[in-house]
């Protein structure tokens, strides 16, 4: 396990340096980047097909920047310098737990002023250099491509908020014991919570901008499952608790070619510090699980990438709007429902049985996806283009 990116390089090259970059956060960022690149390509294809409208808008080009931009730049970089100053003043403490350092009230006023005056000064120079220029009105053709930056920001903010809220609903006991700590902790993100909240927020924004939400849902479906798979790499590498139930059974013969950790893994040096101490280990992350468990994040990585491959191959073969969305919901729901059978999770007691939050949502996704695919194929044909 590599809680920090530097742990990986230290293990490979025998070094001992520290980088304040958590593995889980790194792969979450990489997941958003992968989703953005795939979505941008698919949106461009669908825009060229006429599924996304374009419009001519008049924009102002050139001229001096706003005085407000100078103030915002000054304030923003002042805050960044205030927090990152901790890294320069006490790098070891900052690197060992960057989350606590960033979320604390501690900071460096010296570095805040340095960063603010450098960034604000550069912005002021730009203002002064162009202060006498007259802005010109030009006409541009804009479409869904110009909205992707805003959409990605909405997805990130709404997704993180939704993931935190649903995780705390799923782990109510810990939330009740420490609600503030649970809300502001970097640990514990429920994918489906983020998916639901981000979907609602993005659908509202697209409708407001005059785009068809169902068309965009088709475009983003392959990107979503790819992002999920890349994000799960962070879960596997960091050991963030999304592992499976205890697995003490011997590795089956049909897996004899694979390393032992594919069947049962003890997640050594996991970021949550769960399990028992590792003999002879020194440092922040020196625990491993006993007995070992199913490495469910690894299984989900494989399944998510396979689903992405299927959706990517079929994206030009599904002629009607809504079919891709329905298929994505079905395949993603089936994948998550199956993995829940061997995954550690909180359960709800319903009608005398036990079921997890993810099983409830994934079941609804399968049913809803099947209905959407049927309606898209039979009732909504007029909305699509072949």
Protein backbone atom coordinates (compact mmCIF):
# COMPACT_ATOMS: atom_id res chain seq x y z
CA UNK A 1 0.00 0.00 0.00
CA UNK A 2 1.13 3.53 -0.77
CA UNK A 3 -0.83 6.16 1.22
CA UNK A 4 1.28 8.89 -0.40
CA UNK A 5 2.62 9.04 -3.94
CA UNK A 6 6.14 9.41 -2.55
CA UNK A 7 5.73 6.05 -0.74
CA UNK A 8 5.60 4.34 -4.13
CA UNK A 9 8.81 5.96 -5.36
CA UNK A 10 10.55 5.32 -2.06
CA UNK A 11 9.64 1.64 -2.29
CA UNK A 12 10.85 1.35 -5.89
CA UNK A 13 14.06 3.38 -5.64
CA UNK A 14 14.94 2.96 -1.97
CA UNK A 15 14.69 6.67 -1.24
CA UNK A 16 13.11 8.34 1.79
CA UNK A 17 11.68 11.67 0.62
CA UNK A 18 8.10 12.80 1.29
CA UNK A 19 5.61 14.48 -1.03
CA UNK A 20 2.37 15.93 0.42
CA UNK A 21 0.27 14.21 -2.24
CA UNK A 22 -2.12 11.52 -1.00
CA UNK A 23 -2.53 8.57 -3.37
CA UNK A 24 -6.32 8.55 -3.08
CA UNK A 25 -6.61 12.26 -3.86
CA UNK A 26 -4.17 11.91 -6.75
CA UNK A 27 -6.26 9.22 -8.42
CA UNK A 28 -9.50 11.11 -7.79
CA UNK A 29 -7.97 14.05 -9.67
CA UNK A 30 -6.78 11.67 -12.39
CA UNK A 31 -10.29 10.22 -12.59
CA UNK A 32 -11.78 13.67 -13.22
CA UNK A 33 -9.13 14.36 -15.87
CA UNK A 34 -9.82 11.06 -17.65
CA UNK A 35 -13.56 11.73 -17.56
CA UNK A 36 -13.09 15.24 -18.92
CA UNK A 37 -10.96 14.10 -21.86
CA UNK A 38 -13.37 11.32 -22.85
CA UNK A 39 -16.41 13.57 -22.38
CA UNK A 40 -14.89 16.36 -24.46
CA UNK A 41 -14.25 13.99 -27.33
CA UNK A 42 -17.75 12.52 -27.20
CA UNK A 43 -19.42 15.92 -26.91
CA UNK A 44 -17.53 17.15 -29.96
CA UNK A 45 -18.64 14.08 -31.94
CA UNK A 46 -22.26 14.51 -30.91
CA UNK A 47 -22.14 18.26 -31.58
CA UNK A 48 -20.88 17.59 -35.10
CA UNK A 49 -23.84 15.19 -35.53
CA UNK A 50 -26.23 17.96 -34.54
CA UNK A 51 -27.29 16.46 -31.21
CA UNK A 52 -25.99 19.48 -29.32
CA UNK A 53 -27.02 22.89 -30.67
CA UNK A 54 -24.58 25.70 -31.29
CA UNK A 55 -25.31 29.41 -31.17
CA UNK A 56 -23.62 32.65 -32.13
CA UNK A 57 -22.85 34.93 -29.20
CA UNK A 58 -21.22 38.34 -28.96
CA UNK A 59 -18.30 38.60 -26.57
CA UNK A 60 -15.93 41.37 -25.62
CA UNK A 61 -12.27 40.82 -26.45
CA UNK A 62 -9.24 42.81 -25.36
CA UNK A 63 -9.13 45.85 -23.15
CA UNK A 64 -8.04 46.16 -19.54
CA UNK A 65 -8.96 43.59 -16.95
CA UNK A 66 -11.39 44.49 -14.19
CA UNK A 67 -10.15 46.02 -10.97
CA UNK A 68 -12.11 43.30 -9.19
CA UNK A 69 -9.85 40.69 -10.84
CA UNK A 70 -6.86 42.25 -9.15
CA UNK A 71 -8.51 42.11 -5.75
CA UNK A 72 -9.70 38.51 -6.24
CA UNK A 73 -6.22 37.42 -7.36
CA UNK A 74 -4.66 39.18 -4.37
CA UNK A 75 -7.07 37.52 -1.91
CA UNK A 76 -6.97 34.05 -3.49
CA UNK A 77 -3.20 33.78 -3.62
CA UNK A 78 -2.98 35.28 -0.16
CA UNK A 79 -5.05 32.37 1.15
CA UNK A 80 -2.97 29.86 -0.83
CA UNK A 81 0.25 31.37 0.49
CA UNK A 82 -1.15 31.39 4.03
CA UNK A 83 -1.73 27.62 3.93
CA UNK A 84 1.25 26.56 1.82
CA UNK A 85 3.51 28.62 4.06
CA UNK A 86 3.16 25.80 6.57
CA UNK A 87 4.88 23.56 4.06
CA UNK A 88 7.90 25.84 3.87
CA UNK A 89 8.08 26.46 7.62
CA UNK A 90 7.58 22.86 8.80
CA UNK A 91 7.62 20.54 5.81
CA UNK A 92 7.73 17.27 7.78
CA UNK A 93 4.54 18.01 9.71
CA UNK A 94 2.77 19.33 6.60
CA UNK A 95 3.74 16.30 4.55
CA UNK A 96 2.77 13.77 7.22
CA UNK A 97 -0.82 15.05 7.34
CA UNK A 98 -1.57 17.69 4.67
CA UNK A 99 -5.36 17.38 5.19
CA UNK A 100 -5.18 18.51 8.79
CA UNK A 101 -2.76 21.28 7.89
CA UNK A 102 -4.99 22.62 5.11
CA UNK A 103 -8.20 22.43 7.14
CA UNK A 104 -6.66 23.95 10.28
CA UNK A 105 -6.62 27.65 11.12
CA UNK A 106 -2.83 27.69 11.13
CA UNK A 107 -0.86 29.38 8.41
CA UNK A 108 1.95 31.75 7.55
CA UNK A 109 1.13 35.45 7.28
CA UNK A 110 4.58 36.08 5.78
CA UNK A 111 4.01 33.70 2.88
CA UNK A 112 0.44 34.96 2.53
CA UNK A 113 1.75 38.47 1.87
CA UNK A 114 4.50 37.20 -0.45
CA UNK A 115 2.10 35.16 -2.59
CA UNK A 116 -0.58 37.87 -2.59
CA UNK A 117 1.75 40.68 -3.64
CA UNK A 118 3.49 38.62 -6.34
CA UNK A 119 0.25 37.36 -7.94
CA UNK A 120 -1.61 40.62 -7.37
CA UNK A 121 1.33 42.59 -8.72
CA UNK A 122 1.42 40.54 -11.92
CA UNK A 123 -2.31 41.04 -12.35
CA UNK A 124 -1.96 44.78 -11.73
CA UNK A 125 0.82 44.98 -14.33
CA UNK A 126 -1.51 43.33 -16.86
CA UNK A 127 -4.18 45.89 -16.00
CA UNK A 128 -1.76 48.81 -16.30
CA UNK A 129 -0.33 47.57 -19.59
CA UNK A 130 -3.76 47.36 -21.26
CA UNK A 131 -5.52 50.15 -19.34
CA UNK A 132 -5.97 52.38 -22.43
CA UNK A 133 -7.09 49.66 -24.82
CA UNK A 134 -10.68 49.65 -26.02
CA UNK A 135 -12.39 46.24 -25.90
CA UNK A 136 -13.92 45.01 -29.16
CA UNK A 137 -17.14 43.08 -29.60
CA UNK A 138 -16.72 39.93 -31.70
CA UNK A 139 -19.09 37.13 -32.66
CA UNK A 140 -18.23 33.55 -31.74
CA UNK A 141 -19.90 30.19 -32.30
CA UNK A 142 -20.28 28.43 -28.95
CA UNK A 143 -21.68 25.05 -27.98
CA UNK A 144 -21.49 22.37 -25.34
CA UNK A 145 -17.67 22.39 -25.50
CA UNK A 146 -17.55 25.83 -23.90
CA UNK A 147 -19.68 24.58 -20.99
CA UNK A 148 -17.50 21.61 -20.05
CA UNK A 149 -15.29 23.58 -17.64
CA UNK A 150 -18.30 24.75 -15.65
CA UNK A 151 -19.90 21.31 -15.81
CA UNK A 152 -16.72 19.67 -14.50
CA UNK A 153 -16.58 22.14 -11.62
CA UNK A 154 -20.23 21.46 -10.76
CA UNK A 155 -19.59 17.71 -10.93
CA UNK A 156 -16.58 17.99 -8.63
CA UNK A 157 -18.23 20.15 -5.97
CA UNK A 158 -21.64 18.46 -6.04
CA UNK A 159 -20.05 15.02 -6.31
CA UNK A 160 -17.83 15.46 -3.26
CA UNK A 161 -20.70 16.93 -1.21
CA UNK A 162 -23.06 14.14 -2.22
CA UNK A 163 -20.44 11.47 -1.58
CA UNK A 164 -19.81 12.83 1.93
CA UNK A 165 -23.51 13.14 2.80
CA UNK A 166 -24.40 9.64 1.63
CA UNK A 167 -21.34 8.17 3.37
CA UNK A 168 -22.41 9.73 6.66
CA UNK A 169 -25.95 8.45 6.21
CA UNK A 170 -24.46 5.01 5.65
CA UNK A 171 -22.19 5.32 8.70
CA UNK A 172 -24.60 7.15 10.98
CA UNK A 173 -23.05 6.03 14.28
CA UNK A 174 -19.67 7.62 13.53
CA UNK A 175 -21.35 10.73 12.15
CA UNK A 176 -23.46 11.11 15.30
CA UNK A 177 -20.39 10.78 17.49
CA UNK A 178 -18.41 13.47 15.63
CA UNK A 179 -20.50 15.29 12.97
CA UNK A 180 -18.01 18.10 12.34
CA UNK A 181 -15.07 15.73 12.01
CA UNK A 182 -17.05 13.39 9.74
CA UNK A 183 -18.13 16.19 7.40
CA UNK A 184 -14.68 17.73 7.02
CA UNK A 185 -12.69 14.51 6.98
CA UNK A 186 -11.09 13.45 3.69
CA UNK A 187 -11.97 9.84 4.48
CA UNK A 188 -15.23 8.24 3.42
CA UNK A 189 -16.77 8.94 0.03
CA UNK A 190 -19.80 7.08 -1.34
CA UNK A 191 -19.73 6.98 -5.14
CA UNK A 192 -23.47 6.71 -5.65
CA UNK A 193 -24.10 9.67 -3.36
CA UNK A 194 -21.79 11.76 -5.49
CA UNK A 195 -23.37 10.42 -8.68
CA UNK A 196 -26.91 11.28 -7.59
CA UNK A 197 -26.18 14.81 -6.35
CA UNK A 198 -23.90 15.65 -9.29
CA UNK A 199 -26.50 14.33 -11.78
CA UNK A 200 -29.23 16.57 -10.36
CA UNK A 201 -26.94 19.61 -10.32
CA UNK A 202 -25.66 19.08 -13.87
CA UNK A 203 -29.16 18.38 -15.24
CA UNK A 204 -30.38 21.65 -13.73
CA UNK A 205 -27.49 23.59 -15.26
CA UNK A 206 -27.90 22.05 -18.72
CA UNK A 207 -31.63 22.71 -18.76
CA UNK A 208 -30.98 26.30 -17.75
CA UNK A 209 -28.51 26.64 -20.66
CA UNK A 210 -30.92 25.14 -23.18
CA UNK A 211 -29.27 21.73 -23.70
CA UNK A 212 -31.02 18.37 -23.58
CA UNK A 213 -30.03 16.56 -20.37
CA UNK A 214 -30.69 13.10 -21.84
CA UNK A 215 -28.31 13.76 -24.74
CA UNK A 216 -25.63 14.87 -22.32
CA UNK A 217 -26.28 11.80 -20.15
CA UNK A 218 -25.48 9.62 -23.17
CA UNK A 219 -22.28 11.58 -23.81
CA UNK A 220 -21.05 11.36 -20.23
CA UNK A 221 -21.93 7.70 -19.55
CA UNK A 222 -18.66 6.17 -20.88
CA UNK A 223 -16.69 8.91 -19.10
CA UNK A 224 -18.46 8.17 -15.81
CA UNK A 225 -17.58 4.48 -15.70
CA UNK A 226 -13.99 5.21 -16.77
CA UNK A 227 -13.72 7.78 -13.98
CA UNK A 228 -15.10 5.23 -11.53
CA UNK A 229 -12.49 2.67 -12.52
CA UNK A 230 -9.60 5.14 -12.29
CA UNK A 231 -10.86 6.36 -8.91
CA UNK A 232 -10.93 2.80 -7.61
CA UNK A 233 -7.20 2.55 -8.34
CA UNK A 234 -6.79 5.11 -5.57
CA UNK A 235 -8.88 2.97 -3.23
CA UNK A 236 -6.73 -0.07 -3.96
CA UNK A 237 -3.40 1.73 -3.74
CA UNK A 238 -4.17 3.73 -0.58
CA UNK A 239 -6.31 1.15 1.21
CA UNK A 240 -9.13 3.55 2.07
CA UNK A 241 -11.50 0.96 3.54
CA UNK A 242 -13.39 -0.07 0.40
CA UNK A 243 -12.08 -3.59 0.74
CA UNK A 244 -14.02 -6.82 0.98
CA UNK A 245 -14.95 -9.20 3.74
CA UNK A 246 -12.48 -11.59 5.36
CA UNK A 247 -11.16 -14.22 2.95
CA UNK A 248 -9.35 -17.16 4.54
CA UNK A 249 -10.28 -19.66 1.83
CA UNK A 250 -7.39 -21.08 -0.23
CA UNK A 251 -6.83 -19.58 -3.64
CA UNK A 252 -8.73 -21.63 -6.26
CA UNK A 253 -6.82 -23.55 -8.89
CA UNK A 254 -8.12 -21.46 -11.78
CA UNK A 255 -6.28 -18.48 -10.23
CA UNK A 256 -2.97 -20.31 -9.81
CA UNK A 257 -1.37 -18.05 -12.43
CA UNK A 258 -2.21 -14.87 -10.49
CA UNK A 259 -0.36 -13.43 -7.46
CA UNK A 260 -1.86 -14.27 -4.07
CA UNK A 261 -3.07 -10.69 -3.41
CA UNK A 262 -5.56 -10.97 -6.27
CA UNK A 263 -7.49 -13.49 -4.16
CA UNK A 264 -6.80 -12.33 -0.60
CA UNK A 265 -4.95 -9.19 0.44
CA UNK A 266 -3.97 -7.74 3.82
CA UNK A 267 -3.72 -4.09 2.63
CA UNK A 268 -0.42 -3.35 4.40
CA UNK A 269 0.29 0.29 5.28
CA UNK A 270 -3.33 1.21 4.56
CA UNK A 271 -4.18 4.89 4.94
CA UNK A 272 -6.84 4.22 7.60
CA UNK A 273 -4.33 2.48 9.87
CA UNK A 274 -6.74 -0.45 10.26
CA UNK A 275 -5.74 -3.90 11.44
CA UNK A 276 -2.76 -4.96 13.55
CA UNK A 277 0.75 -3.44 13.69
CA UNK A 278 3.30 -4.64 11.15
CA UNK A 279 6.33 -6.03 12.95
CA UNK A 280 9.43 -3.90 12.48
CA UNK A 281 7.56 -1.09 10.71
CA UNK A 282 8.16 2.52 11.69
CA UNK A 283 6.19 5.51 10.48
CA UNK A 284 2.64 6.77 10.12
CA UNK A 285 1.07 3.80 8.33
CA UNK A 286 2.19 0.54 9.91
CA UNK A 287 -0.91 -1.65 10.04
CA UNK A 288 -2.27 -4.50 7.96
CA UNK A 289 -5.44 -6.58 8.00
CA UNK A 290 -5.51 -9.95 9.73
CA UNK A 291 -7.09 -12.05 8.32
CA UNK A 292 -6.76 -10.87 4.71
CA UNK A 293 -9.80 -9.74 2.74
CA UNK A 294 -11.09 -9.72 -0.82
CA UNK A 295 -9.40 -6.88 -2.77
CA UNK A 296 -12.74 -5.56 -4.05
CA UNK A 297 -11.34 -2.25 -5.40
CA UNK A 298 -9.14 -4.26 -7.76
CA UNK A 299 -12.14 -6.27 -8.97
CA UNK A 300 -14.08 -3.07 -9.56
CA UNK A 301 -11.19 -1.58 -11.53
CA UNK A 302 -11.32 -4.52 -13.92
CA UNK A 303 -15.10 -4.52 -14.23
CA UNK A 304 -15.32 -0.74 -14.70
CA UNK A 305 -12.69 -0.77 -17.45
CA UNK A 306 -14.47 -3.64 -19.20
CA UNK A 307 -17.79 -1.77 -19.04
CA UNK A 308 -16.09 1.33 -20.40
CA UNK A 309 -14.76 -0.71 -23.31
CA UNK A 310 -18.25 -2.04 -24.08
CA UNK A 311 -19.87 1.39 -23.93
CA UNK A 312 -17.13 2.99 -26.00
CA UNK A 313 -17.50 0.38 -28.74
CA UNK A 314 -21.29 0.70 -28.77
CA UNK A 315 -21.55 4.49 -28.61
CA UNK A 316 -21.84 4.80 -32.41
CA UNK A 317 -24.15 1.78 -32.71
CA UNK A 318 -26.93 2.94 -30.38
CA UNK A 319 -29.00 5.27 -32.57
CA UNK A 320 -31.52 6.63 -30.08
CA UNK A 321 -31.04 9.15 -27.30
CA UNK A 322 -31.27 7.48 -23.91
CA UNK A 323 -30.05 4.02 -24.94
CA UNK A 324 -26.48 4.66 -23.81
CA UNK A 325 -27.67 6.06 -20.48
CA UNK A 326 -29.93 3.06 -19.89
CA UNK A 327 -27.19 0.58 -20.73
CA UNK A 328 -24.72 2.37 -18.46
CA UNK A 329 -27.14 2.27 -15.53
CA UNK A 330 -27.82 -1.44 -16.01
CA UNK A 331 -24.16 -2.48 -16.32
CA UNK A 332 -22.98 -0.23 -13.49
CA UNK A 333 -25.82 -1.37 -11.25
CA UNK A 334 -25.11 -5.06 -11.89
CA UNK A 335 -21.40 -4.55 -11.23
CA UNK A 336 -21.95 -2.82 -7.91
CA UNK A 337 -24.69 -5.22 -6.77
CA UNK A 338 -22.39 -8.19 -7.35
CA UNK A 339 -19.40 -6.64 -5.58
CA UNK A 340 -21.53 -5.84 -2.53
CA UNK A 341 -21.81 -9.57 -1.80
CA UNK A 342 -18.14 -9.71 -0.79
CA UNK A 343 -17.61 -6.10 0.33
CA UNK A 344 -17.60 -4.60 3.82
CA UNK A 345 -20.51 -2.22 4.20
CA UNK A 346 -23.13 -0.98 6.62
CA UNK A 347 -26.50 -2.73 6.26
CA UNK A 348 -30.11 -1.72 6.69
CA UNK A 349 -32.70 -4.10 8.14
CA UNK A 350 -35.73 -4.19 5.86
CA UNK A 351 -38.56 -6.75 6.10
CA UNK A 352 -36.47 -9.04 8.24
CA UNK A 353 -33.48 -9.04 5.86
CA UNK A 354 -30.26 -7.09 5.49
CA UNK A 355 -29.36 -4.89 2.55
CA UNK A 356 -26.73 -2.22 1.96
CA UNK A 357 -27.28 1.30 0.69
CA UNK A 358 -25.32 0.46 -2.46
CA UNK A 359 -27.47 -2.65 -3.09
CA UNK A 360 -30.62 -0.55 -2.86
CA UNK A 361 -29.31 2.11 -5.22
CA UNK A 362 -27.74 -0.38 -7.64
CA UNK A 363 -31.02 -2.34 -7.84
CA UNK A 364 -32.88 0.87 -8.66
CA UNK A 365 -30.22 1.66 -11.27
CA UNK A 366 -30.71 -1.70 -13.00
CA UNK A 367 -34.48 -1.35 -13.02
CA UNK A 368 -34.39 2.31 -14.04
CA UNK A 369 -31.75 1.67 -16.69
CA UNK A 370 -33.77 -1.14 -18.24
CA UNK A 371 -36.87 1.08 -18.35
CA UNK A 372 -34.92 3.96 -19.90
CA UNK A 373 -33.34 1.69 -22.53
CA UNK A 374 -36.77 0.27 -23.43
CA UNK A 375 -38.41 3.69 -23.68
CA UNK A 376 -35.50 5.04 -25.71
CA UNK A 377 -35.73 2.11 -28.12
CA UNK A 378 -39.52 2.00 -28.45
CA UNK A 379 -41.12 5.28 -27.36
CA UNK A 380 -38.43 7.96 -27.83
CA UNK A 381 -37.18 7.06 -31.30
CA UNK A 382 -38.18 10.43 -32.68
CA UNK A 383 -35.74 12.16 -30.29
CA UNK A 384 -32.71 10.39 -31.62
CA UNK A 385 -30.75 10.61 -34.83
CA UNK A 386 -29.35 7.66 -36.70
